[in-house]
Amino acid sequence: MNAEESLRLLKDGNEHYLSSKINDADISPAIRLETAAHGQHPYAIVISCSDSREISEAVFSAGIGDLFVIRVAGNVIDDHQLGSIEYAAAHLGCPLTLVLGHTHCGAVGAAIAGESGGYIASITDEIRQAIGDEKDDRKASELNVRRNVRLIQEAFAGHPELGQMETVGAVYDIETGRVDWL
């Protein structure tokens, strides 16, 4: 599978999600046994926020083994996330990485409000680098996603084994369920 096909699956999955009441993706005992015996073969890596209102598998109508999801507040990127991306791309063959922000993000809101101190500073400081003086929640989320896409692209620019991996960004609207691609 290539990045274009992976992106199409994500877009189609979100369209299905918008009109569904349940996730009818494969979460069966059979797929659990299949992936346990033969490993996982996800078609995309998704770096998303830890927010409980944004569940990547649901948003993209995905089942067991479909997505390699990395969740961290504010969908920020550091060495741990880069290592996870590298693993999924190099060892599992994922051709696409999606950085997925969302509206009404608490971490982005904390960065806008200037909150710092404690461990959250490691997140809000990163977000502030992305958003600067932006005060609009939606625009700030988009700026944060765009910065993290760039960070991933720069981190892997010199890695020929990951040369086929593409990185894209999007923002999930928690009110409508729609993913807006950047």
N, C-alpha and C. Protein backbone atom coordinates (compact mmCIF):
# COMPACT_ATOMS: atom_id res chain seq x y z
N MET A 1 0.85 -1.18 0.00
CA MET A 1 0.00 0.00 0.00
C MET A 1 0.89 1.24 0.00
N ASN A 2 0.48 2.27 -0.73
CA ASN A 2 1.26 3.49 -0.75
C ASN A 2 0.54 4.58 0.05
N ALA A 3 1.19 5.74 0.19
CA ALA A 3 0.65 6.82 1.00
C ALA A 3 -0.68 7.34 0.47
N GLU A 4 -0.82 7.41 -0.83
CA GLU A 4 -2.07 7.89 -1.44
C GLU A 4 -3.24 6.97 -1.09
N GLU A 5 -3.01 5.67 -1.15
CA GLU A 5 -4.05 4.70 -0.80
C GLU A 5 -4.39 4.79 0.69
N SER A 6 -3.37 4.98 1.52
CA SER A 6 -3.59 5.12 2.97
C SER A 6 -4.43 6.36 3.27
N LEU A 7 -4.09 7.47 2.63
CA LEU A 7 -4.84 8.70 2.84
C LEU A 7 -6.29 8.53 2.39
N ARG A 8 -6.52 7.84 1.30
CA ARG A 8 -7.87 7.59 0.82
C ARG A 8 -8.66 6.78 1.84
N LEU A 9 -8.03 5.77 2.44
CA LEU A 9 -8.71 4.97 3.47
C LEU A 9 -9.09 5.84 4.67
N LEU A 10 -8.20 6.75 5.08
CA LEU A 10 -8.51 7.64 6.19
C LEU A 10 -9.68 8.56 5.85
N LYS A 11 -9.63 9.16 4.68
CA LYS A 11 -10.71 10.06 4.26
C LYS A 11 -12.05 9.32 4.14
N ASP A 12 -12.03 8.16 3.52
CA ASP A 12 -13.25 7.36 3.40
C ASP A 12 -13.76 6.93 4.78
N GLY A 13 -12.84 6.57 5.65
CA GLY A 13 -13.23 6.17 7.01
C GLY A 13 -13.90 7.30 7.76
N ASN A 14 -13.38 8.53 7.61
CA ASN A 14 -14.01 9.66 8.29
C ASN A 14 -15.40 9.94 7.72
N GLU A 15 -15.55 9.83 6.40
CA GLU A 15 -16.88 10.02 5.79
C GLU A 15 -17.87 8.98 6.33
N HIS A 16 -17.42 7.75 6.48
CA HIS A 16 -18.28 6.70 7.04
C HIS A 16 -18.65 7.03 8.49
N TYR A 17 -17.67 7.49 9.26
CA TYR A 17 -17.88 7.85 10.66
C TYR A 17 -18.95 8.93 10.80
N LEU A 18 -18.95 9.90 9.89
CA LEU A 18 -19.88 11.02 9.98
C LEU A 18 -21.33 10.58 9.88
N SER A 19 -21.58 9.46 9.22
CA SER A 19 -22.96 9.01 9.04
C SER A 19 -23.29 7.75 9.85
N SER A 20 -22.38 7.32 10.70
CA SER A 20 -22.58 6.06 11.44
C SER A 20 -22.92 6.32 12.90
N LYS A 21 -23.58 5.35 13.49
CA LYS A 21 -23.84 5.38 14.93
C LYS A 21 -22.94 4.41 15.67
N ILE A 22 -22.37 3.45 14.95
CA ILE A 22 -21.45 2.49 15.54
C ILE A 22 -20.25 2.31 14.62
N ASN A 23 -19.15 1.86 15.18
CA ASN A 23 -17.97 1.54 14.39
C ASN A 23 -18.09 0.08 14.00
N ASP A 24 -18.31 -0.16 12.72
CA ASP A 24 -18.47 -1.54 12.27
C ASP A 24 -17.18 -2.11 11.67
N ALA A 25 -16.04 -1.51 12.02
CA ALA A 25 -14.75 -2.04 11.58
C ALA A 25 -14.49 -3.37 12.29
N ASP A 26 -13.53 -4.10 11.81
CA ASP A 26 -13.27 -5.45 12.32
C ASP A 26 -12.54 -5.41 13.66
N ILE A 27 -13.27 -5.74 14.71
CA ILE A 27 -12.70 -5.89 16.05
C ILE A 27 -13.01 -7.29 16.58
N SER A 28 -13.19 -8.20 15.67
CA SER A 28 -13.64 -9.56 15.98
C SER A 28 -12.56 -10.40 16.65
N PRO A 29 -12.98 -11.49 17.29
CA PRO A 29 -11.99 -12.44 17.82
C PRO A 29 -11.08 -12.97 16.71
N ALA A 30 -11.61 -13.14 15.52
CA ALA A 30 -10.80 -13.66 14.41
C ALA A 30 -9.66 -12.72 14.06
N ILE A 31 -9.91 -11.41 14.01
CA ILE A 31 -8.84 -10.46 13.68
C ILE A 31 -7.85 -10.35 14.83
N ARG A 32 -8.31 -10.51 16.06
CA ARG A 32 -7.37 -10.52 17.20
C ARG A 32 -6.42 -11.69 17.05
N LEU A 33 -6.96 -12.86 16.72
CA LEU A 33 -6.11 -14.04 16.55
C LEU A 33 -5.18 -13.89 15.34
N GLU A 34 -5.70 -13.34 14.26
CA GLU A 34 -4.90 -13.13 13.05
C GLU A 34 -3.71 -12.21 13.32
N THR A 35 -3.97 -11.09 13.99
CA THR A 35 -2.86 -10.15 14.25
C THR A 35 -1.92 -10.68 15.33
N ALA A 36 -2.43 -11.48 16.23
CA ALA A 36 -1.56 -12.09 17.23
C ALA A 36 -0.61 -13.10 16.58
N ALA A 37 -1.12 -13.85 15.64
CA ALA A 37 -0.33 -14.89 14.98
C ALA A 37 0.59 -14.34 13.89
N HIS A 38 0.12 -13.33 13.17
CA HIS A 38 0.86 -12.88 11.99
C HIS A 38 1.33 -11.43 12.06
N GLY A 39 1.13 -10.80 13.20
CA GLY A 39 1.60 -9.43 13.38
C GLY A 39 0.63 -8.38 12.85
N GLN A 40 0.99 -7.16 13.12
CA GLN A 40 0.15 -6.04 12.69
C GLN A 40 0.68 -5.45 11.39
N HIS A 41 -0.24 -4.95 10.59
CA HIS A 41 0.11 -4.32 9.32
C HIS A 41 -0.74 -3.07 9.13
N PRO A 42 -0.55 -2.07 10.02
CA PRO A 42 -1.37 -0.87 9.91
C PRO A 42 -1.07 -0.09 8.62
N TYR A 43 -2.09 0.56 8.11
CA TYR A 43 -1.92 1.33 6.87
C TYR A 43 -1.53 2.77 7.12
N ALA A 44 -1.61 3.24 8.38
CA ALA A 44 -1.23 4.61 8.68
C ALA A 44 -0.80 4.74 10.14
N ILE A 45 0.05 5.73 10.37
CA ILE A 45 0.45 6.14 11.71
C ILE A 45 -0.35 7.41 12.01
N VAL A 46 -0.95 7.48 13.19
CA VAL A 46 -1.70 8.67 13.57
C VAL A 46 -1.15 9.18 14.90
N ILE A 47 -0.65 10.41 14.89
CA ILE A 47 -0.23 11.07 16.13
C ILE A 47 -1.39 11.97 16.51
N SER A 48 -2.05 11.62 17.59
CA SER A 48 -3.23 12.38 17.99
C SER A 48 -3.12 12.79 19.45
N CYS A 49 -4.03 13.64 19.86
CA CYS A 49 -4.08 14.11 21.23
C CYS A 49 -4.64 13.01 22.14
N SER A 50 -4.34 13.11 23.39
CA SER A 50 -4.87 12.16 24.38
C SER A 50 -6.31 12.44 24.75
N ASP A 51 -6.87 13.52 24.27
CA ASP A 51 -8.23 13.94 24.60
C ASP A 51 -9.21 12.79 24.36
N SER A 52 -10.05 12.52 25.34
CA SER A 52 -10.97 11.38 25.26
C SER A 52 -12.08 11.58 24.24
N ARG A 53 -12.21 12.78 23.69
CA ARG A 53 -13.25 13.04 22.68
C ARG A 53 -12.76 12.77 21.27
N GLU A 54 -11.48 12.48 21.12
CA GLU A 54 -10.90 12.23 19.79
C GLU A 54 -10.30 10.83 19.79
N ILE A 55 -11.03 9.89 19.26
CA ILE A 55 -10.60 8.49 19.24
C ILE A 55 -10.31 8.13 17.79
N SER A 56 -9.05 8.05 17.44
CA SER A 56 -8.66 7.88 16.03
C SER A 56 -9.31 6.68 15.37
N GLU A 57 -9.36 5.56 16.05
CA GLU A 57 -9.95 4.37 15.44
C GLU A 57 -11.42 4.61 15.10
N ALA A 58 -12.13 5.35 15.94
CA ALA A 58 -13.53 5.66 15.65
C ALA A 58 -13.64 6.69 14.54
N VAL A 59 -12.85 7.77 14.64
CA VAL A 59 -12.91 8.86 13.67
C VAL A 59 -12.65 8.37 12.24
N PHE A 60 -11.82 7.34 12.10
CA PHE A 60 -11.49 6.81 10.78
C PHE A 60 -12.11 5.44 10.51
N SER A 61 -13.09 5.04 11.33
CA SER A 61 -13.80 3.77 11.15
C SER A 61 -12.82 2.61 10.97
N ALA A 62 -11.83 2.56 11.84
CA ALA A 62 -10.75 1.57 11.74
C ALA A 62 -10.92 0.48 12.80
N GLY A 63 -10.39 -0.69 12.50
CA GLY A 63 -10.45 -1.82 13.41
C GLY A 63 -9.07 -2.20 13.92
N ILE A 64 -9.01 -3.37 14.50
CA ILE A 64 -7.76 -3.90 15.04
C ILE A 64 -6.74 -4.06 13.93
N GLY A 65 -5.56 -3.52 14.15
CA GLY A 65 -4.46 -3.66 13.20
C GLY A 65 -4.45 -2.65 12.07
N ASP A 66 -5.45 -1.75 12.00
CA ASP A 66 -5.52 -0.80 10.90
C ASP A 66 -4.64 0.44 11.10
N LEU A 67 -4.60 0.96 12.32
CA LEU A 67 -3.86 2.19 12.60
C LEU A 67 -2.83 1.97 13.69
N PHE A 68 -1.70 2.65 13.56
CA PHE A 68 -0.67 2.69 14.61
C PHE A 68 -0.82 4.06 15.25
N VAL A 69 -1.47 4.10 16.41
CA VAL A 69 -1.85 5.37 17.03
C VAL A 69 -0.90 5.72 18.17
N ILE A 70 -0.40 6.95 18.11
CA ILE A 70 0.47 7.50 19.15
C ILE A 70 -0.30 8.67 19.75
N ARG A 71 -0.63 8.58 21.03
CA ARG A 71 -1.42 9.63 21.67
C ARG A 71 -0.60 10.35 22.72
N VAL A 72 -0.64 11.67 22.63
CA VAL A 72 0.04 12.53 23.61
C VAL A 72 -0.70 13.87 23.64
N ALA A 73 -0.88 14.42 24.82
CA ALA A 73 -1.59 15.70 24.93
C ALA A 73 -0.98 16.73 23.99
N GLY A 74 -1.84 17.40 23.25
CA GLY A 74 -1.39 18.43 22.32
C GLY A 74 -0.75 17.90 21.06
N ASN A 75 -0.80 16.59 20.84
CA ASN A 75 -0.17 15.92 19.70
C ASN A 75 1.21 16.50 19.37
N VAL A 76 2.01 16.72 20.44
CA VAL A 76 3.35 17.26 20.26
C VAL A 76 4.33 16.14 19.90
N ILE A 77 5.46 16.54 19.36
CA ILE A 77 6.45 15.59 18.88
C ILE A 77 7.73 15.73 19.69
N ASP A 78 8.21 14.61 20.22
CA ASP A 78 9.54 14.57 20.83
C ASP A 78 10.20 13.26 20.42
N ASP A 79 11.31 12.93 21.03
CA ASP A 79 12.04 11.73 20.62
C ASP A 79 11.23 10.44 20.78
N HIS A 80 10.37 10.38 21.79
CA HIS A 80 9.56 9.17 21.97
C HIS A 80 8.60 8.98 20.80
N GLN A 81 7.95 10.05 20.38
CA GLN A 81 7.04 9.95 19.25
C GLN A 81 7.81 9.66 17.97
N LEU A 82 8.96 10.31 17.78
CA LEU A 82 9.77 10.04 16.59
C LEU A 82 10.23 8.59 16.55
N GLY A 83 10.61 8.04 17.69
CA GLY A 83 11.00 6.63 17.73
C GLY A 83 9.85 5.71 17.38
N SER A 84 8.66 6.05 17.84
CA SER A 84 7.48 5.25 17.51
C SER A 84 7.15 5.33 16.03
N ILE A 85 7.26 6.53 15.46
CA ILE A 85 7.02 6.70 14.03
C ILE A 85 8.04 5.90 13.23
N GLU A 86 9.31 6.01 13.63
CA GLU A 86 10.38 5.28 12.94
C GLU A 86 10.11 3.78 12.96
N TYR A 87 9.70 3.27 14.12
CA TYR A 87 9.39 1.85 14.24
C TYR A 87 8.26 1.45 13.28
N ALA A 88 7.17 2.20 13.32
CA ALA A 88 6.01 1.84 12.50
C ALA A 88 6.31 1.95 11.01
N ALA A 89 7.08 2.95 10.62
CA ALA A 89 7.40 3.12 9.20
C ALA A 89 8.42 2.08 8.74
N ALA A 90 9.50 1.91 9.49
CA ALA A 90 10.58 1.03 9.06
C ALA A 90 10.27 -0.45 9.26
N HIS A 91 9.61 -0.79 10.37
CA HIS A 91 9.40 -2.21 10.69
C HIS A 91 8.02 -2.73 10.31
N LEU A 92 7.04 -1.83 10.28
CA LEU A 92 5.68 -2.28 9.95
C LEU A 92 5.26 -1.85 8.55
N GLY A 93 6.06 -1.00 7.92
CA GLY A 93 5.80 -0.60 6.54
C GLY A 93 4.72 0.45 6.36
N CYS A 94 4.43 1.23 7.40
CA CYS A 94 3.40 2.27 7.27
C CYS A 94 3.89 3.36 6.31
N PRO A 95 3.13 3.64 5.26
CA PRO A 95 3.57 4.62 4.28
C PRO A 95 3.14 6.05 4.58
N LEU A 96 2.28 6.25 5.60
CA LEU A 96 1.71 7.56 5.85
C LEU A 96 1.68 7.85 7.34
N THR A 97 2.07 9.08 7.70
CA THR A 97 1.94 9.56 9.07
C THR A 97 0.99 10.75 9.05
N LEU A 98 0.00 10.72 9.92
CA LEU A 98 -0.95 11.81 10.07
C LEU A 98 -0.78 12.43 11.45
N VAL A 99 -0.57 13.75 11.50
CA VAL A 99 -0.63 14.49 12.75
C VAL A 99 -2.05 15.04 12.83
N LEU A 100 -2.79 14.59 13.84
CA LEU A 100 -4.20 14.94 13.97
C LEU A 100 -4.44 15.79 15.21
N GLY A 101 -4.65 17.08 15.00
CA GLY A 101 -5.05 17.96 16.08
C GLY A 101 -6.57 17.95 16.19
N HIS A 102 -7.11 18.75 17.11
CA HIS A 102 -8.57 18.82 17.22
C HIS A 102 -8.99 20.16 17.80
N THR A 103 -10.24 20.50 17.59
CA THR A 103 -10.78 21.73 18.13
C THR A 103 -10.97 21.59 19.64
N HIS A 104 -10.98 22.71 20.31
CA HIS A 104 -11.19 22.76 21.76
C HIS A 104 -10.16 21.91 22.53
N CYS A 105 -8.92 21.93 22.05
CA CYS A 105 -7.86 21.15 22.68
C CYS A 105 -7.42 21.82 23.98
N GLY A 106 -7.46 21.07 25.07
CA GLY A 106 -7.07 21.61 26.36
C GLY A 106 -5.61 22.02 26.42
N ALA A 107 -4.74 21.26 25.78
CA ALA A 107 -3.32 21.59 25.79
C ALA A 107 -3.05 22.86 25.01
N VAL A 108 -3.71 23.01 23.87
CA VAL A 108 -3.58 24.24 23.08
C VAL A 108 -4.15 25.41 23.88
N GLY A 109 -5.29 25.20 24.52
CA GLY A 109 -5.88 26.24 25.36
C GLY A 109 -4.96 26.66 26.50
N ALA A 110 -4.29 25.69 27.10
CA ALA A 110 -3.35 25.99 28.18
C ALA A 110 -2.17 26.81 27.65
N ALA A 111 -1.71 26.49 26.46
CA ALA A 111 -0.61 27.25 25.85
C ALA A 111 -1.06 28.67 25.54
N ILE A 112 -2.27 28.83 25.01
CA ILE A 112 -2.81 30.16 24.71
C ILE A 112 -2.91 30.98 25.99
N ALA A 113 -3.35 30.33 27.07
CA ALA A 113 -3.53 31.01 28.35
C ALA A 113 -2.21 31.29 29.06
N GLY A 114 -1.12 30.74 28.54
CA GLY A 114 0.19 30.98 29.15
C GLY A 114 0.50 30.11 30.33
N GLU A 115 -0.26 29.03 30.50
CA GLU A 115 0.01 28.12 31.62
C GLU A 115 1.39 27.49 31.46
N SER A 116 2.09 27.38 32.56
CA SER A 116 3.39 26.73 32.54
C SER A 116 3.67 26.20 33.94
N GLY A 117 4.80 25.58 34.09
CA GLY A 117 5.13 24.97 35.37
C GLY A 117 4.73 23.51 35.37
N GLY A 118 5.36 22.77 36.21
CA GLY A 118 5.09 21.35 36.29
C GLY A 118 5.46 20.64 34.99
N TYR A 119 4.98 19.46 34.87
CA TYR A 119 5.28 18.66 33.68
C TYR A 119 4.56 19.15 32.44
N ILE A 120 3.41 19.82 32.62
CA ILE A 120 2.66 20.29 31.45
C ILE A 120 3.47 21.30 30.64
N ALA A 121 4.45 21.94 31.28
CA ALA A 121 5.29 22.91 30.56
C ALA A 121 6.01 22.26 29.38
N SER A 122 6.33 20.98 29.49
CA SER A 122 6.99 20.30 28.37
C SER A 122 6.07 20.24 27.15
N ILE A 123 4.79 20.32 27.38
CA ILE A 123 3.81 20.31 26.29
C ILE A 123 3.47 21.74 25.86
N THR A 124 3.12 22.59 26.81
CA THR A 124 2.71 23.95 26.46
C THR A 124 3.85 24.76 25.85
N ASP A 125 5.08 24.52 26.29
CA ASP A 125 6.22 25.22 25.69
C ASP A 125 6.36 24.86 24.21
N GLU A 126 6.18 23.58 23.88
CA GLU A 126 6.24 23.14 22.48
C GLU A 126 5.12 23.78 21.67
N ILE A 127 3.93 23.79 22.22
CA ILE A 127 2.79 24.36 21.50
C ILE A 127 2.99 25.86 21.28
N ARG A 128 3.49 26.56 22.30
CA ARG A 128 3.73 28.01 22.15
C ARG A 128 4.73 28.30 21.04
N GLN A 129 5.70 27.42 20.83
CA GLN A 129 6.64 27.61 19.72
C GLN A 129 5.90 27.55 18.38
N ALA A 130 4.86 26.76 18.34
CA ALA A 130 4.09 26.61 17.10
C ALA A 130 3.11 27.76 16.88
N ILE A 131 2.48 28.22 17.96
CA ILE A 131 1.36 29.15 17.79
C ILE A 131 1.74 30.61 17.97
N GLY A 132 2.87 30.88 18.58
CA GLY A 132 3.25 32.28 18.80
C GLY A 132 2.20 33.00 19.62
N ASP A 133 1.71 34.12 19.10
CA ASP A 133 0.72 34.94 19.80
C ASP A 133 -0.72 34.63 19.40
N GLU A 134 -0.92 33.58 18.62
CA GLU A 134 -2.28 33.24 18.15
C GLU A 134 -3.19 32.95 19.34
N LYS A 135 -4.38 33.55 19.32
CA LYS A 135 -5.35 33.36 20.41
C LYS A 135 -6.58 32.57 19.97
N ASP A 136 -6.77 32.42 18.67
CA ASP A 136 -7.91 31.65 18.18
C ASP A 136 -7.61 30.17 18.30
N ASP A 137 -8.48 29.46 19.01
CA ASP A 137 -8.30 28.03 19.29
C ASP A 137 -8.08 27.21 18.02
N ARG A 138 -8.93 27.40 17.02
CA ARG A 138 -8.86 26.61 15.79
C ARG A 138 -7.56 26.91 15.04
N LYS A 139 -7.25 28.18 14.87
CA LYS A 139 -6.03 28.55 14.15
C LYS A 139 -4.79 28.05 14.89
N ALA A 140 -4.83 28.13 16.22
CA ALA A 140 -3.69 27.65 17.01
C ALA A 140 -3.51 26.14 16.84
N SER A 141 -4.60 25.40 16.82
CA SER A 141 -4.51 23.95 16.60
C SER A 141 -3.90 23.64 15.24
N GLU A 142 -4.31 24.40 14.22
CA GLU A 142 -3.76 24.20 12.88
C GLU A 142 -2.26 24.51 12.85
N LEU A 143 -1.86 25.61 13.48
CA LEU A 143 -0.44 25.97 13.53
C LEU A 143 0.37 24.88 14.24
N ASN A 144 -0.19 24.35 15.31
CA ASN A 144 0.50 23.29 16.06
C ASN A 144 0.67 22.04 15.20
N VAL A 145 -0.38 21.67 14.47
CA VAL A 145 -0.29 20.51 13.58
C VAL A 145 0.77 20.75 12.51
N ARG A 146 0.72 21.90 11.87
CA ARG A 146 1.67 22.20 10.79
C ARG A 146 3.12 22.14 11.29
N ARG A 147 3.37 22.67 12.47
CA ARG A 147 4.74 22.61 13.02
C ARG A 147 5.16 21.17 13.25
N ASN A 148 4.27 20.35 13.78
CA ASN A 148 4.62 18.97 14.07
C ASN A 148 4.81 18.14 12.81
N VAL A 149 4.07 18.46 11.76
CA VAL A 149 4.30 17.82 10.46
C VAL A 149 5.72 18.16 9.99
N ARG A 150 6.08 19.44 10.08
CA ARG A 150 7.43 19.87 9.67
C ARG A 150 8.52 19.17 10.49
N LEU A 151 8.31 19.08 11.80
CA LEU A 151 9.30 18.42 12.66
C LEU A 151 9.53 16.97 12.24
N ILE A 152 8.46 16.27 11.93
CA ILE A 152 8.58 14.88 11.49
C ILE A 152 9.31 14.81 10.15
N GLN A 153 8.91 15.66 9.22
CA GLN A 153 9.56 15.67 7.90
C GLN A 153 11.05 15.96 8.02
N GLU A 154 11.41 16.93 8.84
CA GLU A 154 12.82 17.27 9.03
C GLU A 154 13.59 16.15 9.72
N ALA A 155 12.96 15.51 10.71
CA ALA A 155 13.63 14.45 11.46
C ALA A 155 13.99 13.26 10.56
N PHE A 156 13.14 12.97 9.58
CA PHE A 156 13.36 11.79 8.75
C PHE A 156 13.85 12.11 7.34
N ALA A 157 14.19 13.37 7.08
CA ALA A 157 14.64 13.77 5.74
C ALA A 157 15.88 12.99 5.29
N GLY A 158 16.76 12.67 6.22
CA GLY A 158 17.99 11.96 5.86
C GLY A 158 17.94 10.46 6.08
N HIS A 159 16.76 9.90 6.20
CA HIS A 159 16.60 8.47 6.44
C HIS A 159 16.06 7.79 5.19
N PRO A 160 16.92 7.25 4.35
CA PRO A 160 16.44 6.65 3.10
C PRO A 160 15.48 5.48 3.31
N GLU A 161 15.59 4.78 4.43
CA GLU A 161 14.69 3.65 4.69
C GLU A 161 13.25 4.12 4.92
N LEU A 162 13.09 5.41 5.23
CA LEU A 162 11.76 5.96 5.43
C LEU A 162 11.38 6.92 4.31
N GLY A 163 12.12 6.86 3.22
CA GLY A 163 11.93 7.79 2.12
C GLY A 163 10.55 7.75 1.50
N GLN A 164 9.86 6.64 1.59
CA GLN A 164 8.52 6.53 0.99
C GLN A 164 7.41 7.04 1.90
N MET A 165 7.74 7.28 3.17
CA MET A 165 6.72 7.72 4.12
C MET A 165 6.36 9.18 3.86
N GLU A 166 5.07 9.46 3.80
CA GLU A 166 4.59 10.82 3.68
C GLU A 166 3.97 11.24 5.01
N THR A 167 4.01 12.54 5.28
CA THR A 167 3.45 13.08 6.51
C THR A 167 2.46 14.18 6.15
N VAL A 168 1.27 14.09 6.71
CA VAL A 168 0.22 15.07 6.46
C VAL A 168 -0.38 15.52 7.79
N GLY A 169 -1.15 16.59 7.74
CA GLY A 169 -1.79 17.11 8.94
C GLY A 169 -3.27 17.32 8.74
N ALA A 170 -4.01 17.30 9.83
CA ALA A 170 -5.45 17.52 9.80
C ALA A 170 -5.91 17.96 11.18
N VAL A 171 -7.11 18.53 11.22
CA VAL A 171 -7.74 18.92 12.48
C VAL A 171 -9.13 18.29 12.53
N TYR A 172 -9.39 17.61 13.63
CA TYR A 172 -10.68 16.97 13.87
C TYR A 172 -11.58 17.95 14.61
N ASP A 173 -12.78 18.16 14.12
CA ASP A 173 -13.75 19.04 14.77
C ASP A 173 -14.57 18.18 15.72
N ILE A 174 -14.41 18.40 17.03
CA ILE A 174 -15.09 17.53 18.00
C ILE A 174 -16.60 17.73 18.01
N GLU A 175 -17.09 18.83 17.44
CA GLU A 175 -18.53 19.05 17.39
C GLU A 175 -19.18 18.35 16.20
N THR A 176 -18.54 18.40 15.05
CA THR A 176 -19.14 17.83 13.84
C THR A 176 -18.64 16.43 13.52
N GLY A 177 -17.45 16.08 13.99
CA GLY A 177 -16.85 14.78 13.68
C GLY A 177 -16.04 14.79 12.39
N ARG A 178 -16.05 15.90 11.69
CA ARG A 178 -15.34 16.00 10.40
C ARG A 178 -13.86 16.27 10.61
N VAL A 179 -13.05 15.61 9.78
CA VAL A 179 -11.62 15.84 9.74
C VAL A 179 -11.35 16.80 8.59
N ASP A 180 -10.72 17.92 8.88
CA ASP A 180 -10.36 18.91 7.88
C ASP A 180 -8.87 18.76 7.59
N TRP A 181 -8.55 18.44 6.35
CA TRP A 181 -7.18 18.17 5.95
C TRP A 181 -6.46 19.47 5.65
N LEU A 182 -5.24 19.60 6.14
CA LEU A 182 -4.47 20.83 5.95
C LEU A 182 -3.55 20.70 4.74
